[in-house]
Amino acid sequence: MSKSICVACGQHIEFPAELAGKQVACPSCGAKTRLDGSPAQSAIRIPKQRDPAEREAGSSPAAPLATRIMDNIEKVIVGKREEIMLTLVAFLAEGHVLLEDVPGVAKTMLARSLARSLGCKFKRIQCTPDLLPNDITGSSIFNPKTADFEFRPGPLFAQIVLADEINRATPRAQSALLEAMAERKITADGVNYDLTPPFFLIATQNPIDHEGTFPLPEAQLDRFLVRLSLGYPAAESEIAMLQRLQHRHPIEDLTTVATAQEVLDCQQAVRDVHADEKVSRYIVQLIQATREHPDLSLGGSPRASMALLHAAQAFAAVNGFDFVMPDDVKHIFPHVLGHRLIMRPESRLRKKTVARVLDEVLNSVPVPQVPTHAAPR
């Protein structure tokens, strides 16, 4: 291993010899630094990236599968690879995603593209104020031929479910999703029904128009592993999108590149990603810092700690590693915690935002030194 010093913050960086002469982002401050191989005493380690051949030959199937799926979805959604990757991270971590953005930025198309790429059963729920819980879970219908009631499954009996404009449904209808999200089962007419794995819920909501909406309570927001915002595309990406849409929508030609069983195998592989005790301690320190922050009336819960760990495991696996680094936790932290915190009213009056508070939390907790090796098998 060779060593270098970051020109911005002065931290020592240890790196594989083959990276000498290249520019990398400093793990401490993020500044671009050229690795010159100068001697140093202590070091912050940069894990060695695996090339595609090594990833394919590795024991974890998450990285090659995620790459295939992301490449396939990008045939439809242009210029949003980071958001696509974070959606896959939530899926492989067995969580759910809340997409919060203005209309027309491909929130629904992302869910449809993911379902087509996986060949999973897909259902869409268009949430409206007159939506009833039975419309989501299913209901018993009387069959005159058999003189008995037969259960007709609702749209939740699918593997990938899109709850479009979830905040337009009443709290009673929204609550019908909670059991499915948390326990992967549904109770209807006193009978429990197990959902077919993998089960993944993508909910969308419009943060601009609040007329006729019912804000999600904190208990339901906490069930979503991550909250994402796609945002408007860059000019070049939007031009490329228009070119692809000249004759027909590209989703019509989207093919299946993975199976549900491959996803289940990857979800198990994600749980096997090693998290050092120092990483777990770092996660707990971050969560405790949100509970003690003066600008927050509600910090992260123990469920937030578990969500952050599982998301970091999935993020590491998608990027080709079988161990979690603190940088994985830092990258996923705003997306996992952003919707779980409540600002104090006086802090909002001072124009303080949750994003700024999360930056302060990340800067206040020291980053641990974690060995860059996989867990023993």
Protein backbone atom coordinates (compact mmCIF):
# COMPACT_ATOMS: atom_id res chain seq x y z
CA MET A 1 0.00 0.00 0.00
CA SER A 2 1.20 3.54 -0.83
CA LYS A 3 0.45 6.72 1.10
CA SER A 4 -0.34 10.33 0.24
CA ILE A 5 -1.56 13.52 1.92
CA CYS A 6 -4.71 15.47 1.03
CA VAL A 7 -3.73 18.98 -0.09
CA ALA A 8 -6.98 20.44 1.28
CA CYS A 9 -7.31 19.04 4.81
CA GLY A 10 -3.89 17.46 5.42
CA GLN A 11 -5.30 14.03 6.19
CA HIS A 12 -3.22 11.00 5.29
CA ILE A 13 -4.57 8.64 2.63
CA GLU A 14 -3.50 5.04 2.09
CA PHE A 15 -4.24 3.55 -1.33
CA PRO A 16 -3.36 0.61 -3.59
CA ALA A 17 -0.18 1.14 -5.61
CA GLU A 18 -2.06 0.93 -8.93
CA LEU A 19 -3.91 4.19 -8.07
CA ALA A 20 -0.67 6.21 -7.88
CA GLY A 21 -0.80 9.36 -10.01
CA LYS A 22 -4.59 9.38 -10.19
CA GLN A 23 -6.98 11.91 -8.68
CA VAL A 24 -9.43 10.70 -6.01
CA ALA A 25 -11.84 12.33 -3.60
CA CYS A 26 -10.44 12.58 -0.08
CA PRO A 27 -12.52 10.38 2.29
CA SER A 28 -12.32 13.11 4.93
CA CYS A 29 -13.13 16.38 3.10
CA GLY A 30 -14.12 15.25 -0.40
CA ALA A 31 -11.54 17.44 -2.15
CA LYS A 32 -9.81 16.11 -5.27
CA THR A 33 -6.30 14.95 -4.46
CA ARG A 34 -3.58 13.50 -6.69
CA LEU A 35 -2.06 10.39 -5.14
CA ASP A 36 1.71 10.89 -5.25
CA GLY A 37 2.84 8.08 -2.94
CA SER A 38 4.65 10.29 -0.43
CA PRO A 39 5.40 8.70 2.96
CA ALA A 40 3.01 9.15 5.89
CA GLN A 41 2.55 7.74 9.36
CA SER A 42 -1.23 7.32 9.79
CA ALA A 43 -3.66 6.85 6.96
CA ILE A 44 -7.29 6.91 5.91
CA ARG A 45 -7.82 3.91 3.70
CA ILE A 46 -9.45 4.00 0.28
CA PRO A 47 -10.92 0.56 -0.52
CA LYS A 48 -9.74 -0.96 -3.73
CA GLN A 49 -12.46 -0.83 -6.40
CA ARG A 50 -13.20 -4.07 -8.16
CA ASP A 51 -13.32 -4.17 -11.92
CA PRO A 52 -16.41 -5.69 -13.62
CA ALA A 53 -14.69 -9.04 -14.19
CA GLU A 54 -13.88 -9.35 -10.48
CA ARG A 55 -17.42 -8.42 -9.55
CA GLU A 56 -18.87 -11.09 -11.82
CA ALA A 57 -16.51 -13.68 -10.38
CA GLY A 58 -17.16 -12.61 -6.75
CA SER A 59 -19.40 -14.36 -4.28
CA SER A 60 -21.92 -11.50 -4.04
CA PRO A 61 -24.36 -11.19 -6.97
CA ALA A 62 -25.57 -7.70 -5.96
CA ALA A 63 -23.11 -5.57 -7.97
CA PRO A 64 -23.52 -7.21 -11.42
CA LEU A 65 -27.29 -7.50 -10.95
CA ALA A 66 -27.61 -3.85 -9.95
CA THR A 67 -25.51 -2.77 -12.93
CA ARG A 68 -27.71 -4.72 -15.35
CA ILE A 69 -30.89 -3.27 -13.87
CA MET A 70 -29.60 0.32 -13.79
CA ASP A 71 -28.37 0.12 -17.39
CA ASN A 72 -31.76 -1.21 -18.45
CA ILE A 73 -33.76 1.46 -16.60
CA GLU A 74 -31.55 4.19 -18.09
CA LYS A 75 -32.94 3.29 -21.51
CA VAL A 76 -36.13 4.97 -20.26
CA ILE A 77 -35.00 7.46 -17.59
CA VAL A 78 -32.07 9.60 -18.68
CA GLY A 79 -29.53 11.26 -16.41
CA LYS A 80 -30.80 9.94 -13.07
CA ARG A 81 -28.43 7.07 -12.34
CA GLU A 82 -27.83 8.14 -8.74
CA GLU A 83 -31.57 8.11 -7.97
CA ILE A 84 -32.01 4.78 -9.76
CA MET A 85 -29.17 3.30 -7.73
CA LEU A 86 -30.67 4.55 -4.44
CA THR A 87 -34.01 2.99 -5.39
CA LEU A 88 -32.24 -0.32 -5.97
CA VAL A 89 -30.41 0.09 -2.66
CA ALA A 90 -33.76 0.37 -0.88
CA PHE A 91 -35.12 -2.64 -2.78
CA LEU A 92 -32.14 -4.86 -2.00
CA ALA A 93 -32.23 -3.73 1.65
CA GLU A 94 -35.88 -4.93 1.76
CA GLY A 95 -37.17 -1.42 2.36
CA HIS A 96 -39.58 0.90 0.59
CA VAL A 97 -39.18 4.24 -1.22
CA LEU A 98 -41.03 7.53 -0.99
CA LEU A 99 -40.60 9.63 -4.15
CA GLU A 100 -41.43 13.24 -3.39
CA ASP A 101 -41.31 15.59 -6.36
CA VAL A 102 -43.30 17.76 -8.72
CA PRO A 103 -45.47 16.13 -11.42
CA GLY A 104 -43.93 14.98 -14.69
CA VAL A 105 -40.40 14.04 -13.61
CA ALA A 106 -40.79 10.27 -14.23
CA LYS A 107 -41.69 9.07 -10.72
CA THR A 108 -44.27 6.61 -12.07
CA MET A 109 -42.03 5.67 -14.98
CA LEU A 110 -39.25 4.70 -12.57
CA ALA A 111 -41.53 2.18 -10.85
CA ARG A 112 -42.78 0.77 -14.16
CA SER A 113 -39.26 0.48 -15.56
CA LEU A 114 -38.05 -1.34 -12.45
CA ALA A 115 -40.95 -3.80 -12.62
CA ARG A 116 -40.33 -4.51 -16.32
CA SER A 117 -36.62 -4.97 -15.74
CA LEU A 118 -37.26 -7.60 -13.07
CA GLY A 119 -40.21 -9.40 -14.59
CA CYS A 120 -42.07 -9.02 -11.29
CA LYS A 121 -45.82 -8.66 -10.96
CA PHE A 122 -46.62 -4.94 -10.92
CA LYS A 123 -49.74 -3.11 -9.72
CA ARG A 124 -50.54 0.57 -9.51
CA ILE A 125 -52.82 2.21 -6.94
CA GLN A 126 -54.06 5.66 -7.92
CA CYS A 127 -54.79 7.23 -4.54
CA THR A 128 -57.88 9.45 -4.27
CA PRO A 129 -59.93 10.72 -1.30
CA ASP A 130 -62.66 8.12 -1.94
CA LEU A 131 -60.22 5.17 -1.90
CA LEU A 132 -61.20 2.54 0.70
CA PRO A 133 -58.91 0.07 2.50
CA ASN A 134 -60.68 -2.85 0.80
CA ASP A 135 -59.83 -1.31 -2.57
CA ILE A 136 -56.17 -1.83 -1.64
CA THR A 137 -56.11 -5.10 0.27
CA GLY A 138 -58.99 -6.89 -1.47
CA SER A 139 -62.44 -7.96 -0.33
CA SER A 140 -64.77 -10.95 -0.15
CA ILE A 141 -67.36 -11.19 -2.95
CA PHE A 142 -70.45 -13.39 -2.77
CA ASN A 143 -70.49 -16.08 -5.46
CA PRO A 144 -74.09 -17.15 -6.20
CA LYS A 145 -72.91 -20.37 -7.88
CA THR A 146 -71.21 -21.66 -4.76
CA ALA A 147 -73.41 -19.72 -2.31
CA ASP A 148 -70.25 -18.64 -0.52
CA PHE A 149 -67.94 -15.64 -0.23
CA GLU A 150 -64.70 -15.66 -2.25
CA PHE A 151 -61.76 -13.42 -1.51
CA ARG A 152 -60.65 -11.25 -4.41
CA PRO A 153 -57.07 -10.02 -3.87
CA GLY A 154 -56.41 -6.30 -4.20
CA PRO A 155 -53.46 -4.56 -5.88
CA LEU A 156 -51.24 -5.11 -2.82
CA PHE A 157 -50.97 -8.75 -3.87
CA ALA A 158 -48.15 -7.91 -6.25
CA GLN A 159 -44.37 -7.83 -5.95
CA ILE A 160 -43.81 -4.22 -6.97
CA VAL A 161 -46.61 -1.81 -6.01
CA LEU A 162 -46.84 1.86 -6.94
CA ALA A 163 -49.00 4.00 -4.64
CA ASP A 164 -49.35 7.10 -6.79
CA GLU A 165 -50.04 10.38 -4.94
CA ILE A 166 -50.28 8.59 -1.61
CA ASN A 167 -51.04 11.80 0.28
CA ARG A 168 -54.35 12.14 -1.59
CA ALA A 169 -55.69 9.01 0.11
CA THR A 170 -57.41 9.33 3.50
CA PRO A 171 -55.54 8.23 6.65
CA ARG A 172 -57.79 5.17 6.80
CA ALA A 173 -56.70 4.07 3.32
CA GLN A 174 -53.07 4.96 4.02
CA SER A 175 -53.10 2.75 7.12
CA ALA A 176 -54.00 -0.25 4.95
CA LEU A 177 -50.44 -0.11 3.59
CA LEU A 178 -48.69 -0.26 6.98
CA GLU A 179 -49.07 -3.99 7.67
CA ALA A 180 -47.94 -4.88 4.16
CA MET A 181 -44.92 -2.59 4.38
CA ALA A 182 -43.78 -3.77 7.80
CA GLU A 183 -44.70 -7.46 7.88
CA ARG A 184 -45.15 -8.47 4.23
CA LYS A 185 -48.63 -9.77 4.94
CA ILE A 186 -52.23 -8.58 4.76
CA THR A 187 -55.17 -9.18 7.09
CA ALA A 188 -58.54 -9.16 5.36
CA ASP A 189 -61.81 -10.39 6.88
CA GLY A 190 -59.87 -11.81 9.80
CA VAL A 191 -57.61 -13.96 7.60
CA ASN A 192 -53.85 -13.46 7.18
CA TYR A 193 -52.41 -13.60 3.67
CA ASP A 194 -48.67 -13.70 3.02
CA LEU A 195 -47.39 -11.54 0.18
CA THR A 196 -45.23 -13.08 -2.52
CA PRO A 197 -41.59 -11.99 -2.09
CA PRO A 198 -39.90 -9.80 -3.05
CA PHE A 199 -42.41 -7.13 -2.00
CA PHE A 200 -41.49 -3.51 -2.76
CA LEU A 201 -43.66 -0.41 -2.38
CA ILE A 202 -42.89 2.84 -4.18
CA ALA A 203 -45.08 5.73 -3.05
CA THR A 204 -45.16 9.13 -4.73
CA GLN A 205 -46.41 12.47 -3.54
CA ASN A 206 -46.45 16.03 -4.82
CA PRO A 207 -44.86 18.48 -2.33
CA ILE A 208 -46.23 21.56 -4.11
CA ASP A 209 -50.02 21.24 -4.35
CA HIS A 210 -51.48 20.47 -0.90
CA GLU A 211 -55.14 21.07 -1.73
CA GLY A 212 -57.19 17.98 -0.87
CA THR A 213 -54.21 16.07 0.56
CA PHE A 214 -53.68 14.21 3.84
CA PRO A 215 -50.06 14.50 5.08
CA LEU A 216 -48.46 11.21 6.03
CA PRO A 217 -48.05 10.81 9.80
CA GLU A 218 -44.58 10.29 11.24
CA ALA A 219 -45.34 6.64 12.01
CA GLN A 220 -45.96 5.95 8.32
CA LEU A 221 -43.08 8.07 7.07
CA ASP A 222 -40.82 6.03 9.33
CA ARG A 223 -41.78 2.87 7.41
CA PHE A 224 -40.07 4.15 4.26
CA LEU A 225 -36.39 3.27 4.13
CA VAL A 226 -35.44 6.25 1.95
CA ARG A 227 -37.04 9.38 0.55
CA LEU A 228 -35.85 10.53 -2.87
CA SER A 229 -36.40 13.44 -5.20
CA LEU A 230 -35.73 12.98 -8.92
CA GLY A 231 -35.67 16.68 -9.79
CA TYR A 232 -35.67 18.21 -13.25
CA PRO A 233 -33.25 16.68 -15.76
CA ALA A 234 -30.25 18.53 -17.13
CA ALA A 235 -30.71 20.17 -20.52
CA GLU A 236 -28.71 17.55 -22.42
CA SER A 237 -30.56 14.72 -20.68
CA GLU A 238 -33.92 16.27 -21.56
CA ILE A 239 -32.87 16.61 -25.21
CA ALA A 240 -31.83 12.94 -25.25
CA MET A 241 -35.19 12.05 -23.73
CA LEU A 242 -37.08 13.91 -26.46
CA GLN A 243 -35.04 12.15 -29.14
CA ARG A 244 -35.96 8.74 -27.73
CA LEU A 245 -39.66 9.63 -27.57
CA GLN A 246 -40.02 10.67 -31.22
CA HIS A 247 -41.58 7.43 -32.43
CA ARG A 248 -42.67 5.43 -29.37
CA HIS A 249 -42.03 5.27 -25.66
CA PRO A 250 -38.83 3.29 -24.88
CA ILE A 251 -40.54 1.45 -22.02
CA GLU A 252 -42.49 -0.52 -24.61
CA ASP A 253 -39.24 -2.15 -25.73
CA LEU A 254 -37.81 -2.66 -22.25
CA THR A 255 -36.79 -6.27 -21.64
CA THR A 256 -36.43 -8.32 -18.47
CA VAL A 257 -32.82 -8.53 -17.28
CA ALA A 258 -33.29 -10.26 -13.91
CA THR A 259 -35.69 -12.56 -12.10
CA ALA A 260 -37.42 -12.35 -8.75
CA GLN A 261 -35.27 -15.23 -7.46
CA GLU A 262 -32.10 -13.31 -8.34
CA VAL A 263 -33.41 -10.36 -6.33
CA LEU A 264 -34.11 -12.62 -3.35
CA ASP A 265 -30.58 -14.03 -3.58
CA CYS A 266 -29.17 -10.50 -3.66
CA GLN A 267 -31.26 -9.45 -0.66
CA GLN A 268 -29.75 -12.33 1.28
CA ALA A 269 -26.26 -11.38 0.04
CA VAL A 270 -26.83 -7.82 1.27
CA ARG A 271 -27.56 -9.09 4.79
CA ASP A 272 -24.23 -10.98 4.66
CA VAL A 273 -22.27 -7.76 3.98
CA HIS A 274 -19.95 -7.30 6.95
CA ALA A 275 -20.39 -4.24 9.19
CA ASP A 276 -17.56 -3.73 11.66
CA GLU A 277 -18.39 -2.90 15.28
CA LYS A 278 -16.88 0.55 14.68
CA VAL A 279 -19.37 1.14 11.86
CA SER A 280 -22.28 0.16 14.12
CA ARG A 281 -20.95 2.50 16.81
CA TYR A 282 -20.62 5.29 14.20
CA ILE A 283 -24.26 4.77 13.14
CA VAL A 284 -25.49 4.94 16.73
CA GLN A 285 -23.46 8.10 17.37
CA LEU A 286 -25.03 9.76 14.31
CA ILE A 287 -28.54 8.83 15.43
CA GLN A 288 -27.89 10.00 18.98
CA ALA A 289 -26.59 13.30 17.62
CA THR A 290 -29.96 13.87 15.90
CA ARG A 291 -31.77 13.20 19.19
CA GLU A 292 -29.63 15.77 21.00
CA HIS A 293 -29.56 18.44 18.28
CA PRO A 294 -31.07 21.73 19.54
CA ASP A 295 -32.92 22.40 16.27
CA LEU A 296 -34.80 19.08 16.28
CA SER A 297 -37.87 18.18 18.32
CA LEU A 298 -37.75 14.58 17.05
CA GLY A 299 -34.55 12.70 16.25
CA GLY A 300 -33.90 9.28 14.78
CA SER A 301 -35.41 6.19 16.40
CA PRO A 302 -33.84 2.73 16.79
CA ARG A 303 -35.68 1.84 13.58
CA ALA A 304 -33.70 4.63 11.89
CA SER A 305 -30.47 3.01 13.15
CA MET A 306 -31.48 -0.33 11.64
CA ALA A 307 -32.56 1.33 8.41
CA LEU A 308 -29.23 3.17 8.14
CA LEU A 309 -27.26 -0.04 8.67
CA HIS A 310 -29.25 -2.05 6.12
CA ALA A 311 -29.12 0.76 3.57
CA ALA A 312 -25.34 1.08 4.03
CA GLN A 313 -24.98 -2.70 3.56
CA ALA A 314 -26.96 -2.52 0.31
CA PHE A 315 -25.02 0.54 -0.87
CA ALA A 316 -21.72 -1.25 -0.29
CA ALA A 317 -22.96 -4.40 -2.03
CA VAL A 318 -24.22 -2.48 -5.07
CA ASN A 319 -20.80 -0.85 -5.37
CA GLY A 320 -19.00 -4.19 -5.28
CA PHE A 321 -17.88 -4.49 -1.66
CA ASP A 322 -18.65 -7.13 0.95
CA PHE A 323 -17.96 -4.83 3.91
CA VAL A 324 -19.34 -1.44 5.00
CA MET A 325 -17.18 1.67 5.22
CA PRO A 326 -18.10 4.90 7.07
CA ASP A 327 -18.31 6.65 3.68
CA ASP A 328 -21.16 4.29 2.73
CA VAL A 329 -23.02 5.42 5.86
CA LYS A 330 -22.33 9.10 5.13
CA HIS A 331 -23.55 8.79 1.54
CA ILE A 332 -26.86 7.19 2.44
CA PHE A 333 -27.43 9.14 5.69
CA PRO A 334 -29.43 12.14 4.29
CA HIS A 335 -31.77 9.90 2.30
CA VAL A 336 -32.53 7.62 5.27
CA LEU A 337 -32.89 10.33 7.95
CA GLY A 338 -34.30 13.28 6.00
CA HIS A 339 -37.96 12.27 6.39
CA ARG A 340 -37.71 10.98 9.97
CA LEU A 341 -36.76 14.24 11.70
CA ILE A 342 -38.99 17.09 12.89
CA MET A 343 -37.66 20.63 13.13
CA ARG A 344 -38.53 22.90 16.03
CA PRO A 345 -40.88 25.76 15.00
CA GLU A 346 -38.39 28.42 16.08
CA SER A 347 -35.68 26.77 13.97
CA ARG A 348 -37.93 26.81 10.91
CA LEU A 349 -38.52 30.53 11.49
CA ARG A 350 -34.75 31.00 11.38
CA LYS A 351 -34.78 29.33 7.93
CA LYS A 352 -32.99 26.24 9.26
CA THR A 353 -33.55 23.15 7.12
CA VAL A 354 -33.31 19.42 7.80
CA ALA A 355 -30.57 19.13 5.16
CA ARG A 356 -28.45 21.70 6.98
CA VAL A 357 -28.99 19.94 10.31
CA LEU A 358 -27.91 16.63 8.79
CA ASP A 359 -24.72 18.26 7.49
CA GLU A 360 -24.02 19.57 10.98
CA VAL A 361 -24.56 16.10 12.45
CA LEU A 362 -22.20 14.50 9.93
CA ASN A 363 -19.53 17.10 10.67
CA SER A 364 -19.90 16.77 14.44
CA VAL A 365 -19.37 13.00 14.70
CA PRO A 366 -15.77 11.80 14.14
CA VAL A 367 -15.32 9.21 11.39
CA PRO A 368 -13.83 5.95 12.68
CA GLN A 369 -10.90 4.11 11.12
CA VAL A 370 -12.26 0.79 9.85
CA PRO A 371 -10.09 -2.08 8.51
CA THR A 372 -10.62 -2.49 4.76
CA HIS A 373 -11.11 -6.21 4.65
CA ALA A 374 -14.06 -8.51 4.21
CA ALA A 375 -15.57 -10.42 7.05
CA PRO A 376 -14.23 -13.95 7.51
CA ARG A 377 -16.46 -16.53 5.89
